[in-house]
Amino acid sequence: MCRLLLASQSGYVAMPAGRLLPLWYHYGVAMTLRLDARDEETLAALAAAEGVSKHEAALRAIRATGAARQLHEDRVRALSAAARERYAAVLDRLGQ
């Protein structure tokens, strides 16, 4: 498990196996996305279909998935609240 040291105290992040990495590494260094051959082909096809780089296609997919998940969670919350309100009396009787 990683433990975060206070940045103001050390400026480093504790990593597994006792390694320390400077905080700038986590905020200023690009990450490497490792894909198997099938996912690489899918990403390349997606990028070609949208006429963008693979990097941009990956960003769009991540953002679209996040937005869709947020919309779904918001809708579930709203429907749940409406159902609790609508069936409050029944839920109270079931709880007795």
Foldseek 3Di string as FASTA:
>chain_A
DWDQDDCVVPQWTADPPRDIDGPCCVVPPDDDDDDDPVVVVVLVVQCVVVVHDSVVSVVVVVVVVVVVVVVVVVVVVVVVVVVCVVCVVVVVVVVD
